[in-house]
């Protein structure tokens, strides 16, 4: 029941980094929406 984020290491997505756990407080991550806000990734969930 965690929210996770992972980003590719190249522009096509041939190789990927290690997934990060961003939130593990309770049951989280449903309805997640990823966007770039002010130049940095952000997630609503």
ModelCIF file with pLDDT and N, C-alpha, C, O atoms, coordinates in Angstrom:
data_MODEL
#
_entry.id   MODEL 
#
_entity.id                         1 
_entity.type                       polymer 
_entity.pdbx_number_of_molecules   1 
#
_entity_poly.entity_id                      1 
_entity_poly.type                           'polypeptide(L)' 
_entity_poly.nstd_linkage                   no 
_entity_poly.nstd_monomer                   no 
_entity_poly.pdbx_seq_one_letter_code       
;(UNK)(UNK)(UNK)(UNK)(UNK)(UNK)(UNK)(UNK)(UNK)(UNK)(UNK)(UNK)(UNK)(UNK)(UNK)(UNK)
(UNK)(UNK)(UNK)(UNK)(UNK)(UNK)(UNK)(UNK)(UNK)(UNK)(UNK)(UNK)(UNK)(UNK)(UNK)(UNK)
(UNK)(UNK)(UNK)(UNK)(UNK)(UNK)(UNK)(UNK)(UNK)(UNK)(UNK)(UNK)(UNK)
;
_entity_poly.pdbx_seq_one_letter_code_can   XXXXXXXXXXXXXXXXXXXXXXXXXXXXXXXXXXXXXXXXXXXXX 
_entity_poly.pdbx_strand_id                 A 
#
loop_
_entity_poly_seq.entity_id 
_entity_poly_seq.num 
_entity_poly_seq.mon_id 
_entity_poly_seq.hetero 
1 1  UNK n 
1 2  UNK n 
1 3  UNK n 
1 4  UNK n 
1 5  UNK n 
1 6  UNK n 
1 7  UNK n 
1 8  UNK n 
1 9  UNK n 
1 10 UNK n 
1 11 UNK n 
1 12 UNK n 
1 13 UNK n 
1 14 UNK n 
1 15 UNK n 
1 16 UNK n 
1 17 UNK n 
1 18 UNK n 
1 19 UNK n 
1 20 UNK n 
1 21 UNK n 
1 22 UNK n 
1 23 UNK n 
1 24 UNK n 
1 25 UNK n 
1 26 UNK n 
1 27 UNK n 
1 28 UNK n 
1 29 UNK n 
1 30 UNK n 
1 31 UNK n 
1 32 UNK n 
1 33 UNK n 
1 34 UNK n 
1 35 UNK n 
1 36 UNK n 
1 37 UNK n 
1 38 UNK n 
1 39 UNK n 
1 40 UNK n 
1 41 UNK n 
1 42 UNK n 
1 43 UNK n 
1 44 UNK n 
1 45 UNK n 
#
_struct_asym.id          A 
_struct_asym.entity_id   1 
#
loop_
_ma_qa_metric.id 
_ma_qa_metric.mode 
_ma_qa_metric.name 
_ma_qa_metric.software_group_id 
_ma_qa_metric.type 
1 global pLDDT . pLDDT 
2 local  pLDDT . pLDDT 
#
_ma_qa_metric_global.metric_id      1 
_ma_qa_metric_global.metric_value   94.27 
_ma_qa_metric_global.model_id       1 
_ma_qa_metric_global.ordinal_id     1 
#
loop_
_ma_qa_metric_local.label_asym_id 
_ma_qa_metric_local.label_comp_id 
_ma_qa_metric_local.label_seq_id 
_ma_qa_metric_local.metric_id 
_ma_qa_metric_local.metric_value 
_ma_qa_metric_local.model_id 
_ma_qa_metric_local.ordinal_id 
A UNK 1  2 86.00 1 1  
A UNK 2  2 90.00 1 2  
A UNK 3  2 93.00 1 3  
A UNK 4  2 94.00 1 4  
A UNK 5  2 97.00 1 5  
A UNK 6  2 97.00 1 6  
A UNK 7  2 98.00 1 7  
A UNK 8  2 98.00 1 8  
A UNK 9  2 98.00 1 9  
A UNK 10 2 98.00 1 10 
A UNK 11 2 98.00 1 11 
A UNK 12 2 98.00 1 12 
A UNK 13 2 97.00 1 13 
A UNK 14 2 96.00 1 14 
A UNK 15 2 97.00 1 15 
A UNK 16 2 97.00 1 16 
A UNK 17 2 97.00 1 17 
A UNK 18 2 96.00 1 18 
A UNK 19 2 95.00 1 19 
A UNK 20 2 96.00 1 20 
A UNK 21 2 95.00 1 21 
A UNK 22 2 96.00 1 22 
A UNK 23 2 95.00 1 23 
A UNK 24 2 92.00 1 24 
A UNK 25 2 88.00 1 25 
A UNK 26 2 85.00 1 26 
A UNK 27 2 87.00 1 27 
A UNK 28 2 86.00 1 28 
A UNK 29 2 83.00 1 29 
A UNK 30 2 83.00 1 30 
A UNK 31 2 86.00 1 31 
A UNK 32 2 92.00 1 32 
A UNK 33 2 94.00 1 33 
A UNK 34 2 97.00 1 34 
A UNK 35 2 98.00 1 35 
A UNK 36 2 98.00 1 36 
A UNK 37 2 97.00 1 37 
A UNK 38 2 97.00 1 38 
A UNK 39 2 97.00 1 39 
A UNK 40 2 98.00 1 40 
A UNK 41 2 98.00 1 41 
A UNK 42 2 98.00 1 42 
A UNK 43 2 97.00 1 43 
A UNK 44 2 96.00 1 44 
A UNK 45 2 93.00 1 45 
#
loop_
_atom_site.group_PDB 
_atom_site.id 
_atom_site.type_symbol 
_atom_site.label_atom_id 
_atom_site.label_alt_id 
_atom_site.label_comp_id 
_atom_site.label_asym_id 
_atom_site.label_entity_id 
_atom_site.label_seq_id 
_atom_site.pdbx_PDB_ins_code 
_atom_site.Cartn_x 
_atom_site.Cartn_y 
_atom_site.Cartn_z 
_atom_site.occupancy 
_atom_site.B_iso_or_equiv 
_atom_site.pdbx_formal_charge 
_atom_site.auth_seq_id 
_atom_site.auth_comp_id 
_atom_site.auth_asym_id 
_atom_site.auth_atom_id 
_atom_site.pdbx_PDB_model_num 
ATOM 1   N N  . UNK A 1 1  ? 0.828  -1.214 0.000   1.00 86.00 ? 1  UNK A N  1 
ATOM 2   C CA . UNK A 1 1  ? 0.000  0.000  0.000   1.00 86.00 ? 1  UNK A CA 1 
ATOM 3   C C  . UNK A 1 1  ? 0.861  1.262  0.000   1.00 86.00 ? 1  UNK A C  1 
ATOM 4   O O  . UNK A 1 1  ? 0.551  2.223  0.704   1.00 86.00 ? 1  UNK A O  1 
ATOM 5   N N  . UNK A 1 2  ? 1.955  1.265  -0.798  1.00 90.00 ? 2  UNK A N  1 
ATOM 6   C CA . UNK A 1 2  ? 2.880  2.395  -0.854  1.00 90.00 ? 2  UNK A CA 1 
ATOM 7   C C  . UNK A 1 2  ? 2.741  3.156  -2.169  1.00 90.00 ? 2  UNK A C  1 
ATOM 8   O O  . UNK A 1 2  ? 2.313  2.596  -3.178  1.00 90.00 ? 2  UNK A O  1 
ATOM 9   N N  . UNK A 1 3  ? 3.106  4.439  -2.147  1.00 93.00 ? 3  UNK A N  1 
ATOM 10  C CA . UNK A 1 3  ? 3.244  5.231  -3.364  1.00 93.00 ? 3  UNK A CA 1 
ATOM 11  C C  . UNK A 1 3  ? 4.694  5.166  -3.819  1.00 93.00 ? 3  UNK A C  1 
ATOM 12  O O  . UNK A 1 3  ? 5.604  5.432  -3.034  1.00 93.00 ? 3  UNK A O  1 
ATOM 13  N N  . UNK A 1 4  ? 4.915  4.810  -5.088  1.00 94.00 ? 4  UNK A N  1 
ATOM 14  C CA . UNK A 1 4  ? 6.269  4.696  -5.621  1.00 94.00 ? 4  UNK A CA 1 
ATOM 15  C C  . UNK A 1 4  ? 6.456  5.550  -6.871  1.00 94.00 ? 4  UNK A C  1 
ATOM 16  O O  . UNK A 1 4  ? 5.499  5.945  -7.537  1.00 94.00 ? 4  UNK A O  1 
ATOM 17  N N  . UNK A 1 5  ? 7.734  5.820  -7.163  1.00 97.00 ? 5  UNK A N  1 
ATOM 18  C CA . UNK A 1 5  ? 8.123  6.622  -8.339  1.00 97.00 ? 5  UNK A CA 1 
ATOM 19  C C  . UNK A 1 5  ? 9.379  6.015  -8.940  1.00 97.00 ? 5  UNK A C  1 
ATOM 20  O O  . UNK A 1 5  ? 10.305 5.641  -8.222  1.00 97.00 ? 5  UNK A O  1 
ATOM 21  N N  . UNK A 1 6  ? 9.402  5.921  -10.270 1.00 97.00 ? 6  UNK A N  1 
ATOM 22  C CA . UNK A 1 6  ? 10.596 5.425  -10.956 1.00 97.00 ? 6  UNK A CA 1 
ATOM 23  C C  . UNK A 1 6  ? 10.779 6.225  -12.242 1.00 97.00 ? 6  UNK A C  1 
ATOM 24  O O  . UNK A 1 6  ? 9.807  6.571  -12.913 1.00 97.00 ? 6  UNK A O  1 
ATOM 25  N N  . UNK A 1 7  ? 12.035 6.515  -12.575 1.00 98.00 ? 7  UNK A N  1 
ATOM 26  C CA . UNK A 1 7  ? 12.340 7.310  -13.776 1.00 98.00 ? 7  UNK A CA 1 
ATOM 27  C C  . UNK A 1 7  ? 13.373 6.581  -14.623 1.00 98.00 ? 7  UNK A C  1 
ATOM 28  O O  . UNK A 1 7  ? 14.292 5.950  -14.102 1.00 98.00 ? 7  UNK A O  1 
ATOM 29  N N  . UNK A 1 8  ? 13.207 6.679  -15.940 1.00 98.00 ? 8  UNK A N  1 
ATOM 30  C CA . UNK A 1 8  ? 14.146 6.049  -16.872 1.00 98.00 ? 8  UNK A CA 1 
ATOM 31  C C  . UNK A 1 8  ? 15.490 6.760  -16.856 1.00 98.00 ? 8  UNK A C  1 
ATOM 32  O O  . UNK A 1 8  ? 15.588 7.931  -16.489 1.00 98.00 ? 8  UNK A O  1 
ATOM 33  N N  . UNK A 1 9  ? 16.520 6.031  -17.260 1.00 98.00 ? 9  UNK A N  1 
ATOM 34  C CA . UNK A 1 9  ? 17.874 6.577  -17.321 1.00 98.00 ? 9  UNK A CA 1 
ATOM 35  C C  . UNK A 1 9  ? 18.209 7.132  -18.696 1.00 98.00 ? 9  UNK A C  1 
ATOM 36  O O  . UNK A 1 9  ? 19.293 7.681  -18.897 1.00 98.00 ? 9  UNK A O  1 
ATOM 37  N N  . UNK A 1 10 ? 17.284 6.994  -19.647 1.00 98.00 ? 10 UNK A N  1 
ATOM 38  C CA . UNK A 1 10 ? 17.495 7.511  -20.999 1.00 98.00 ? 10 UNK A CA 1 
ATOM 39  C C  . UNK A 1 10 ? 16.168 8.007  -21.552 1.00 98.00 ? 10 UNK A C  1 
ATOM 40  O O  . UNK A 1 10 ? 15.112 7.748  -20.976 1.00 98.00 ? 10 UNK A O  1 
ATOM 41  N N  . UNK A 1 11 ? 16.226 8.717  -22.668 1.00 98.00 ? 11 UNK A N  1 
ATOM 42  C CA . UNK A 1 11 ? 15.051 9.394  -23.205 1.00 98.00 ? 11 UNK A CA 1 
ATOM 43  C C  . UNK A 1 11 ? 13.996 8.441  -23.755 1.00 98.00 ? 11 UNK A C  1 
ATOM 44  O O  . UNK A 1 11 ? 12.821 8.803  -23.827 1.00 98.00 ? 11 UNK A O  1 
ATOM 45  N N  . UNK A 1 12 ? 14.389 7.233  -24.144 1.00 98.00 ? 12 UNK A N  1 
ATOM 46  C CA . UNK A 1 12 ? 13.439 6.278  -24.701 1.00 98.00 ? 12 UNK A CA 1 
ATOM 47  C C  . UNK A 1 12 ? 12.841 5.342  -23.655 1.00 98.00 ? 12 UNK A C  1 
ATOM 48  O O  . UNK A 1 12 ? 11.797 4.735  -23.892 1.00 98.00 ? 12 UNK A O  1 
ATOM 49  N N  . UNK A 1 13 ? 13.483 5.222  -22.521 1.00 97.00 ? 13 UNK A N  1 
ATOM 50  C CA . UNK A 1 13 ? 13.007 4.292  -21.509 1.00 97.00 ? 13 UNK A CA 1 
ATOM 51  C C  . UNK A 1 13 ? 13.546 2.890  -21.679 1.00 97.00 ? 13 UNK A C  1 
ATOM 52  O O  . UNK A 1 13 ? 12.879 1.921  -21.315 1.00 97.00 ? 13 UNK A O  1 
ATOM 53  N N  . UNK A 1 14 ? 14.756 2.766  -22.232 1.00 96.00 ? 14 UNK A N  1 
ATOM 54  C CA . UNK A 1 14 ? 15.363 1.443  -22.394 1.00 96.00 ? 14 UNK A CA 1 
ATOM 55  C C  . UNK A 1 14 ? 15.914 0.901  -21.077 1.00 96.00 ? 14 UNK A C  1 
ATOM 56  O O  . UNK A 1 14 ? 15.917 -0.310 -20.853 1.00 96.00 ? 14 UNK A O  1 
ATOM 57  N N  . UNK A 1 15 ? 16.375 1.786  -20.216 1.00 97.00 ? 15 UNK A N  1 
ATOM 58  C CA . UNK A 1 15 ? 16.895 1.397  -18.898 1.00 97.00 ? 15 UNK A CA 1 
ATOM 59  C C  . UNK A 1 15 ? 16.262 2.301  -17.844 1.00 97.00 ? 15 UNK A C  1 
ATOM 60  O O  . UNK A 1 15 ? 15.969 3.470  -18.098 1.00 97.00 ? 15 UNK A O  1 
ATOM 61  N N  . UNK A 1 16 ? 16.058 1.729  -16.651 1.00 97.00 ? 16 UNK A N  1 
ATOM 62  C CA . UNK A 1 16 ? 15.337 2.460  -15.608 1.00 97.00 ? 16 UNK A CA 1 
ATOM 63  C C  . UNK A 1 16 ? 16.102 2.432  -14.294 1.00 97.00 ? 16 UNK A C  1 
ATOM 64  O O  . UNK A 1 16 ? 16.888 1.522  -14.031 1.00 97.00 ? 16 UNK A O  1 
ATOM 65  N N  . UNK A 1 17 ? 15.855 3.444  -13.477 1.00 97.00 ? 17 UNK A N  1 
ATOM 66  C CA . UNK A 1 17 ? 16.453 3.514  -12.160 1.00 97.00 ? 17 UNK A CA 1 
ATOM 67  C C  . UNK A 1 17 ? 15.725 2.632  -11.164 1.00 97.00 ? 17 UNK A C  1 
ATOM 68  O O  . UNK A 1 17 ? 14.820 1.879  -11.525 1.00 97.00 ? 17 UNK A O  1 
ATOM 69  N N  . UNK A 1 18 ? 16.125 2.732  -9.923  1.00 96.00 ? 18 UNK A N  1 
ATOM 70  C CA . UNK A 1 18 ? 15.506 1.969  -8.846  1.00 96.00 ? 18 UNK A CA 1 
ATOM 71  C C  . UNK A 1 18 ? 14.253 2.694  -8.354  1.00 96.00 ? 18 UNK A C  1 
ATOM 72  O O  . UNK A 1 18 ? 14.307 3.898  -8.105  1.00 96.00 ? 18 UNK A O  1 
ATOM 73  N N  . UNK A 1 19 ? 13.134 1.996  -8.208  1.00 95.00 ? 19 UNK A N  1 
ATOM 74  C CA . UNK A 1 19 ? 11.923 2.647  -7.698  1.00 95.00 ? 19 UNK A CA 1 
ATOM 75  C C  . UNK A 1 19 ? 12.120 3.222  -6.293  1.00 95.00 ? 19 UNK A C  1 
ATOM 76  O O  . UNK A 1 19 ? 12.778 2.617  -5.447  1.00 95.00 ? 19 UNK A O  1 
ATOM 77  N N  . UNK A 1 20 ? 11.537 4.404  -6.064  1.00 96.00 ? 20 UNK A N  1 
ATOM 78  C CA . UNK A 1 20 ? 11.605 5.068  -4.763  1.00 96.00 ? 20 UNK A CA 1 
ATOM 79  C C  . UNK A 1 20 ? 10.246 4.990  -4.082  1.00 96.00 ? 20 UNK A C  1 
ATOM 80  O O  . UNK A 1 20 ? 9.216  5.159  -4.733  1.00 96.00 ? 20 UNK A O  1 
ATOM 81  N N  . UNK A 1 21 ? 10.235 4.737  -2.781  1.00 95.00 ? 21 UNK A N  1 
ATOM 82  C CA . UNK A 1 21 ? 9.008  4.811  -1.994  1.00 95.00 ? 21 UNK A CA 1 
ATOM 83  C C  . UNK A 1 21 ? 8.858  6.249  -1.507  1.00 95.00 ? 21 UNK A C  1 
ATOM 84  O O  . UNK A 1 21 ? 9.705  6.748  -0.767  1.00 95.00 ? 21 UNK A O  1 
ATOM 85  N N  . UNK A 1 22 ? 7.784  6.912  -1.919  1.00 96.00 ? 22 UNK A N  1 
ATOM 86  C CA . UNK A 1 22 ? 7.574  8.319  -1.572  1.00 96.00 ? 22 UNK A CA 1 
ATOM 87  C C  . UNK A 1 22 ? 6.667  8.495  -0.360  1.00 96.00 ? 22 UNK A C  1 
ATOM 88  O O  . UNK A 1 22 ? 6.790  9.470  0.381   1.00 96.00 ? 22 UNK A O  1 
ATOM 89  N N  . UNK A 1 23 ? 5.763  7.551  -0.165  1.00 95.00 ? 23 UNK A N  1 
ATOM 90  C CA . UNK A 1 23 ? 4.842  7.635  0.967   1.00 95.00 ? 23 UNK A CA 1 
ATOM 91  C C  . UNK A 1 23 ? 4.428  6.217  1.345   1.00 95.00 ? 23 UNK A C  1 
ATOM 92  O O  . UNK A 1 23 ? 3.996  5.437  0.496   1.00 95.00 ? 23 UNK A O  1 
ATOM 93  N N  . UNK A 1 24 ? 4.563  5.897  2.619   1.00 92.00 ? 24 UNK A N  1 
ATOM 94  C CA . UNK A 1 24 ? 4.168  4.579  3.121   1.00 92.00 ? 24 UNK A CA 1 
ATOM 95  C C  . UNK A 1 24 ? 3.314  4.711  4.380   1.00 92.00 ? 24 UNK A C  1 
ATOM 96  O O  . UNK A 1 24 ? 3.155  3.760  5.144   1.00 92.00 ? 24 UNK A O  1 
ATOM 97  N N  . UNK A 1 25 ? 2.768  5.912  4.577   1.00 88.00 ? 25 UNK A N  1 
ATOM 98  C CA . UNK A 1 25 ? 1.967  6.190  5.770   1.00 88.00 ? 25 UNK A CA 1 
ATOM 99  C C  . UNK A 1 25 ? 0.528  5.759  5.530   1.00 88.00 ? 25 UNK A C  1 
ATOM 100 O O  . UNK A 1 25 ? -0.211 6.448  4.826   1.00 88.00 ? 25 UNK A O  1 
ATOM 101 N N  . UNK A 1 26 ? 0.123  4.644  6.096   1.00 85.00 ? 26 UNK A N  1 
ATOM 102 C CA . UNK A 1 26 ? -1.214 4.126  5.865   1.00 85.00 ? 26 UNK A CA 1 
ATOM 103 C C  . UNK A 1 26 ? -1.307 3.479  4.496   1.00 85.00 ? 26 UNK A C  1 
ATOM 104 O O  . UNK A 1 26 ? -0.327 2.940  3.982   1.00 85.00 ? 26 UNK A O  1 
ATOM 105 N N  . UNK A 1 27 ? -2.496 3.538  3.911   1.00 87.00 ? 27 UNK A N  1 
ATOM 106 C CA . UNK A 1 27 ? -2.732 2.995  2.578   1.00 87.00 ? 27 UNK A CA 1 
ATOM 107 C C  . UNK A 1 27 ? -2.761 4.154  1.598   1.00 87.00 ? 27 UNK A C  1 
ATOM 108 O O  . UNK A 1 27 ? -3.687 4.965  1.617   1.00 87.00 ? 27 UNK A O  1 
ATOM 109 N N  . UNK A 1 28 ? -1.754 4.235  0.744   1.00 86.00 ? 28 UNK A N  1 
ATOM 110 C CA . UNK A 1 28 ? -1.604 5.407  -0.119  1.00 86.00 ? 28 UNK A CA 1 
ATOM 111 C C  . UNK A 1 28 ? -1.319 4.995  -1.564  1.00 86.00 ? 28 UNK A C  1 
ATOM 112 O O  . UNK A 1 28 ? -0.949 3.853  -1.835  1.00 86.00 ? 28 UNK A O  1 
ATOM 113 N N  . UNK A 1 29 ? -1.497 5.946  -2.487  1.00 83.00 ? 29 UNK A N  1 
ATOM 114 C CA . UNK A 1 29 ? -1.095 5.752  -3.876  1.00 83.00 ? 29 UNK A CA 1 
ATOM 115 C C  . UNK A 1 29 ? -2.226 5.594  -4.855  1.00 83.00 ? 29 UNK A C  1 
ATOM 116 O O  . UNK A 1 29 ? -2.009 5.691  -6.062  1.00 83.00 ? 29 UNK A O  1 
ATOM 117 N N  . UNK A 1 30 ? -3.439 5.352  -4.370  1.00 83.00 ? 30 UNK A N  1 
ATOM 118 C CA . UNK A 1 30 ? -4.580 5.234  -5.275  1.00 83.00 ? 30 UNK A CA 1 
ATOM 119 C C  . UNK A 1 30 ? -4.825 6.559  -5.986  1.00 83.00 ? 30 UNK A C  1 
ATOM 120 O O  . UNK A 1 30 ? -4.596 7.628  -5.420  1.00 83.00 ? 30 UNK A O  1 
ATOM 121 N N  . UNK A 1 31 ? -5.294 6.482  -7.235  1.00 86.00 ? 31 UNK A N  1 
ATOM 122 C CA . UNK A 1 31 ? -5.647 7.668  -8.031  1.00 86.00 ? 31 UNK A CA 1 
ATOM 123 C C  . UNK A 1 31 ? -4.463 8.603  -8.255  1.00 86.00 ? 31 UNK A C  1 
ATOM 124 O O  . UNK A 1 31 ? -4.658 9.814  -8.361  1.00 86.00 ? 31 UNK A O  1 
ATOM 125 N N  . UNK A 1 32 ? -3.252 8.082  -8.329  1.00 92.00 ? 32 UNK A N  1 
ATOM 126 C CA . UNK A 1 32 ? -2.077 8.949  -8.459  1.00 92.00 ? 32 UNK A CA 1 
ATOM 127 C C  . UNK A 1 32 ? -2.033 9.635  -9.825  1.00 92.00 ? 32 UNK A C  1 
ATOM 128 O O  . UNK A 1 32 ? -2.406 9.053  -10.844 1.00 92.00 ? 32 UNK A O  1 
ATOM 129 N N  . UNK A 1 33 ? -1.572 10.878 -9.818  1.00 94.00 ? 33 UNK A N  1 
ATOM 130 C CA . UNK A 1 33 ? -1.448 11.687 -11.031 1.00 94.00 ? 33 UNK A CA 1 
ATOM 131 C C  . UNK A 1 33 ? -0.101 12.397 -11.000 1.00 94.00 ? 33 UNK A C  1 
ATOM 132 O O  . UNK A 1 33 ? 0.169  13.189 -10.097 1.00 94.00 ? 33 UNK A O  1 
ATOM 133 N N  . UNK A 1 34 ? 0.740  12.113 -11.985 1.00 97.00 ? 34 UNK A N  1 
ATOM 134 C CA . UNK A 1 34 ? 2.105  12.650 -12.052 1.00 97.00 ? 34 UNK A CA 1 
ATOM 135 C C  . UNK A 1 34 ? 2.160  13.819 -13.025 1.00 97.00 ? 34 UNK A C  1 
ATOM 136 O O  . UNK A 1 34 ? 1.624  13.737 -14.129 1.00 97.00 ? 34 UNK A O  1 
ATOM 137 N N  . UNK A 1 35 ? 2.812  14.915 -12.615 1.00 98.00 ? 35 UNK A N  1 
ATOM 138 C CA . UNK A 1 35 ? 2.993  16.084 -13.476 1.00 98.00 ? 35 UNK A CA 1 
ATOM 139 C C  . UNK A 1 35 ? 4.288  16.785 -13.083 1.00 98.00 ? 35 UNK A C  1 
ATOM 140 O O  . UNK A 1 35 ? 4.798  16.604 -11.977 1.00 98.00 ? 35 UNK A O  1 
ATOM 141 N N  . UNK A 1 36 ? 4.806  17.581 -14.000 1.00 98.00 ? 36 UNK A N  1 
ATOM 142 C CA . UNK A 1 36 ? 5.978  18.404 -13.711 1.00 98.00 ? 36 UNK A CA 1 
ATOM 143 C C  . UNK A 1 36 ? 5.481  19.781 -13.297 1.00 98.00 ? 36 UNK A C  1 
ATOM 144 O O  . UNK A 1 36 ? 4.802  20.462 -14.066 1.00 98.00 ? 36 UNK A O  1 
ATOM 145 N N  . UNK A 1 37 ? 5.819  20.187 -12.082 1.00 97.00 ? 37 UNK A N  1 
ATOM 146 C CA . UNK A 1 37 ? 5.374  21.457 -11.521 1.00 97.00 ? 37 UNK A CA 1 
ATOM 147 C C  . UNK A 1 37 ? 6.597  22.303 -11.177 1.00 97.00 ? 37 UNK A C  1 
ATOM 148 O O  . UNK A 1 37 ? 7.433  21.896 -10.370 1.00 97.00 ? 37 UNK A O  1 
ATOM 149 N N  . UNK A 1 38 ? 6.696  23.466 -11.785 1.00 97.00 ? 38 UNK A N  1 
ATOM 150 C CA . UNK A 1 38 ? 7.830  24.367 -11.551 1.00 97.00 ? 38 UNK A CA 1 
ATOM 151 C C  . UNK A 1 38 ? 9.164  23.655 -11.773 1.00 97.00 ? 38 UNK A C  1 
ATOM 152 O O  . UNK A 1 38 ? 10.137 23.884 -11.054 1.00 97.00 ? 38 UNK A O  1 
ATOM 153 N N  . UNK A 1 39 ? 9.183  22.780 -12.792 1.00 97.00 ? 39 UNK A N  1 
ATOM 154 C CA . UNK A 1 39 ? 10.419 22.121 -13.194 1.00 97.00 ? 39 UNK A CA 1 
ATOM 155 C C  . UNK A 1 39 ? 10.751 20.856 -12.440 1.00 97.00 ? 39 UNK A C  1 
ATOM 156 O O  . UNK A 1 39 ? 11.763 20.218 -12.733 1.00 97.00 ? 39 UNK A O  1 
ATOM 157 N N  . UNK A 1 40 ? 9.925  20.467 -11.469 1.00 98.00 ? 40 UNK A N  1 
ATOM 158 C CA . UNK A 1 40 ? 10.188 19.259 -10.682 1.00 98.00 ? 40 UNK A CA 1 
ATOM 159 C C  . UNK A 1 40 ? 8.960  18.350 -10.708 1.00 98.00 ? 40 UNK A C  1 
ATOM 160 O O  . UNK A 1 40 ? 7.833  18.846 -10.727 1.00 98.00 ? 40 UNK A O  1 
ATOM 161 N N  . UNK A 1 41 ? 9.156  17.032 -10.709 1.00 98.00 ? 41 UNK A N  1 
ATOM 162 C CA . UNK A 1 41 ? 8.000  16.132 -10.704 1.00 98.00 ? 41 UNK A CA 1 
ATOM 163 C C  . UNK A 1 41 ? 7.221  16.240 -9.404  1.00 98.00 ? 41 UNK A C  1 
ATOM 164 O O  . UNK A 1 41 ? 7.791  16.465 -8.337  1.00 98.00 ? 41 UNK A O  1 
ATOM 165 N N  . UNK A 1 42 ? 5.902  16.074 -9.512  1.00 98.00 ? 42 UNK A N  1 
ATOM 166 C CA . UNK A 1 42 ? 5.012  16.122 -8.359  1.00 98.00 ? 42 UNK A CA 1 
ATOM 167 C C  . UNK A 1 42 ? 3.880  15.131 -8.584  1.00 98.00 ? 42 UNK A C  1 
ATOM 168 O O  . UNK A 1 42 ? 3.555  14.784 -9.719  1.00 98.00 ? 42 UNK A O  1 
ATOM 169 N N  . UNK A 1 43 ? 3.286  14.680 -7.481  1.00 97.00 ? 43 UNK A N  1 
ATOM 170 C CA . UNK A 1 43 ? 2.241  13.662 -7.567  1.00 97.00 ? 43 UNK A CA 1 
ATOM 171 C C  . UNK A 1 43 ? 1.088  14.038 -6.646  1.00 97.00 ? 43 UNK A C  1 
ATOM 172 O O  . UNK A 1 43 ? 1.299  14.381 -5.483  1.00 97.00 ? 43 UNK A O  1 
ATOM 173 N N  . UNK A 1 44 ? -0.116 13.972 -7.167  1.00 96.00 ? 44 UNK A N  1 
ATOM 174 C CA . UNK A 1 44 ? -1.327 14.037 -6.356  1.00 96.00 ? 44 UNK A CA 1 
ATOM 175 C C  . UNK A 1 44 ? -1.879 12.622 -6.252  1.00 96.00 ? 44 UNK A C  1 
ATOM 176 O O  . UNK A 1 44 ? -1.816 11.858 -7.215  1.00 96.00 ? 44 UNK A O  1 
ATOM 177 N N  . UNK A 1 45 ? -2.421 12.267 -5.087  1.00 93.00 ? 45 UNK A N  1 
ATOM 178 C CA . UNK A 1 45 ? -2.858 10.887 -4.892  1.00 93.00 ? 45 UNK A CA 1 
ATOM 179 C C  . UNK A 1 45 ? -3.769 10.792 -3.671  1.00 93.00 ? 45 UNK A C  1 
ATOM 180 O O  . UNK A 1 45 ? -4.244 9.707  -3.337  1.00 93.00 ? 45 UNK A O  1 
#
